[in-house]
Amino acid sequence: MAGSDKTEKPTPKRRHEARSKGQVARSPELSGGATLLGGLIGVIAFGPKIATDAGEAMQAIWGQIANGSAVTSAAGLHGLEQLVMKVVLETVAPIAAPNTTLVSRRPATNRS
């Protein structure tokens, strides 16, 4: 008989063995939903601060660009680059970092 034509339910022992091997039924929607929920919570928690900080940083960046002598030297460009990188990290990191922990990692299965 083919292996897919099972007529009886698995015994508790076999279910326990499958669980211990990491062979647990998982819904792909569950992990996607958890990631979406985590991102939404992150935006709600950090959104106002990110918007305020990004607005202040943009004012500082445009202020440096408006002062032509500040960005025509190597030191001025370096300062502008540091300011832009700081804004990017402060804006993206609070949302991106917590969501990386929500990604489900399945244990390696032995397919021999």
Protein backbone atom coordinates (compact mmCIF):
# COMPACT_ATOMS: atom_id res chain seq x y z
CA MET A 1 0.00 0.00 0.00
CA ALA A 2 1.14 3.53 -0.66
CA GLY A 3 2.39 5.58 2.29
CA SER A 4 -0.17 8.34 1.69
CA ASP A 5 -3.16 6.00 2.09
CA LYS A 6 -3.21 5.96 5.89
CA THR A 7 -6.50 4.79 7.32
CA GLU A 8 -5.79 5.13 11.02
CA LYS A 9 -4.79 8.10 13.11
CA PRO A 10 -1.25 8.17 14.52
CA THR A 11 -0.75 6.73 17.97
CA PRO A 12 0.17 9.04 20.87
CA LYS A 13 3.65 7.51 20.84
CA ARG A 14 4.19 8.36 17.16
CA ARG A 15 2.83 11.88 17.68
CA HIS A 16 5.24 12.38 20.57
CA GLU A 17 8.16 11.07 18.47
CA ALA A 18 7.22 13.39 15.60
CA ARG A 19 7.07 16.37 17.98
CA SER A 20 10.46 15.55 19.44
CA LYS A 21 11.90 15.47 15.90
CA GLY A 22 10.40 18.89 15.15
CA GLN A 23 7.79 17.54 12.75
CA VAL A 24 4.91 19.75 13.84
CA ALA A 25 2.18 21.03 11.56
CA ARG A 26 2.55 24.82 11.14
CA SER A 27 0.41 27.24 9.30
CA PRO A 28 2.33 29.65 7.03
CA GLU A 29 -0.29 32.28 7.79
CA LEU A 30 0.54 32.09 11.49
CA SER A 31 4.15 33.18 11.10
CA GLY A 32 3.19 35.85 8.56
CA GLY A 33 0.49 37.15 10.86
CA ALA A 34 2.88 37.25 13.81
CA THR A 35 5.39 39.22 11.76
CA LEU A 36 2.71 41.66 10.62
CA LEU A 37 1.43 42.08 14.17
CA GLY A 38 4.97 42.68 15.47
CA GLY A 39 5.57 45.30 12.79
CA LEU A 40 2.29 47.02 13.57
CA ILE A 41 3.09 47.11 17.28
CA GLY A 42 6.53 48.53 16.44
CA VAL A 43 5.04 51.28 14.29
CA ILE A 44 2.49 52.16 16.97
CA ALA A 45 5.14 52.18 19.72
CA PHE A 46 7.95 53.95 17.88
CA GLY A 47 6.11 55.84 15.12
CA PRO A 48 5.69 59.24 16.80
CA LYS A 49 9.31 59.37 17.98
CA ILE A 50 10.59 58.27 14.58
CA ALA A 51 8.53 60.94 12.81
CA THR A 52 9.72 63.67 15.20
CA ASP A 53 13.38 62.62 15.01
CA ALA A 54 13.27 62.26 11.22
CA GLY A 55 11.72 65.73 10.87
CA GLU A 56 14.37 67.32 13.06
CA ALA A 57 17.12 65.49 11.21
CA MET A 58 15.78 66.56 7.83
CA GLN A 59 15.78 70.17 8.99
CA ALA A 60 19.41 69.79 10.06
CA ILE A 61 20.37 68.09 6.78
CA TRP A 62 18.68 70.72 4.63
CA GLY A 63 20.22 73.42 6.81
CA GLN A 64 23.69 72.04 6.07
CA ILE A 65 22.95 71.74 2.37
CA ALA A 66 21.65 75.33 2.26
CA ASN A 67 24.98 76.49 3.72
CA GLY A 68 27.05 75.77 0.61
CA SER A 69 30.42 76.10 2.31
CA ALA A 70 29.51 73.37 4.83
CA VAL A 71 29.15 70.66 2.20
CA THR A 72 31.85 71.61 -0.28
CA SER A 73 34.70 70.44 1.95
CA ALA A 74 35.58 66.84 2.78
CA ALA A 75 34.88 67.45 6.46
CA GLY A 76 31.49 68.99 5.64
CA LEU A 77 30.50 66.05 3.44
CA HIS A 78 31.66 63.62 6.12
CA GLY A 79 29.51 65.37 8.72
CA LEU A 80 26.53 65.31 6.37
CA GLU A 81 27.07 61.61 5.69
CA GLN A 82 27.22 60.85 9.41
CA LEU A 83 24.01 62.77 10.01
CA VAL A 84 22.20 60.90 7.23
CA MET A 85 23.41 57.50 8.48
CA LYS A 86 22.32 58.37 12.02
CA VAL A 87 18.84 59.23 10.76
CA VAL A 88 18.59 56.02 8.76
CA LEU A 89 19.67 53.86 11.69
CA GLU A 90 17.40 55.62 14.17
CA THR A 91 14.46 55.34 11.80
CA VAL A 92 14.81 51.74 10.63
CA ALA A 93 16.40 49.92 13.58
CA PRO A 94 13.53 50.18 16.10
CA ILE A 95 11.14 48.55 13.64
CA ALA A 96 13.47 46.12 11.87
CA ALA A 97 15.29 44.67 14.89
CA PRO A 98 12.29 43.22 16.81
CA ASN A 99 10.82 41.69 13.65
CA THR A 100 13.93 39.66 12.95
CA THR A 101 13.21 37.60 16.06
CA LEU A 102 9.71 36.74 14.84
CA VAL A 103 10.91 34.95 11.72
CA SER A 104 10.25 31.27 12.24
CA ARG A 105 13.18 28.96 11.81
CA ARG A 106 12.37 25.38 11.15
CA PRO A 107 14.76 22.74 12.40
CA ALA A 108 16.68 20.88 9.75
CA THR A 109 14.96 17.70 8.68
CA ASN A 110 16.74 14.58 7.61
CA ARG A 111 15.35 13.64 4.19
CA SER A 112 17.14 10.39 3.62
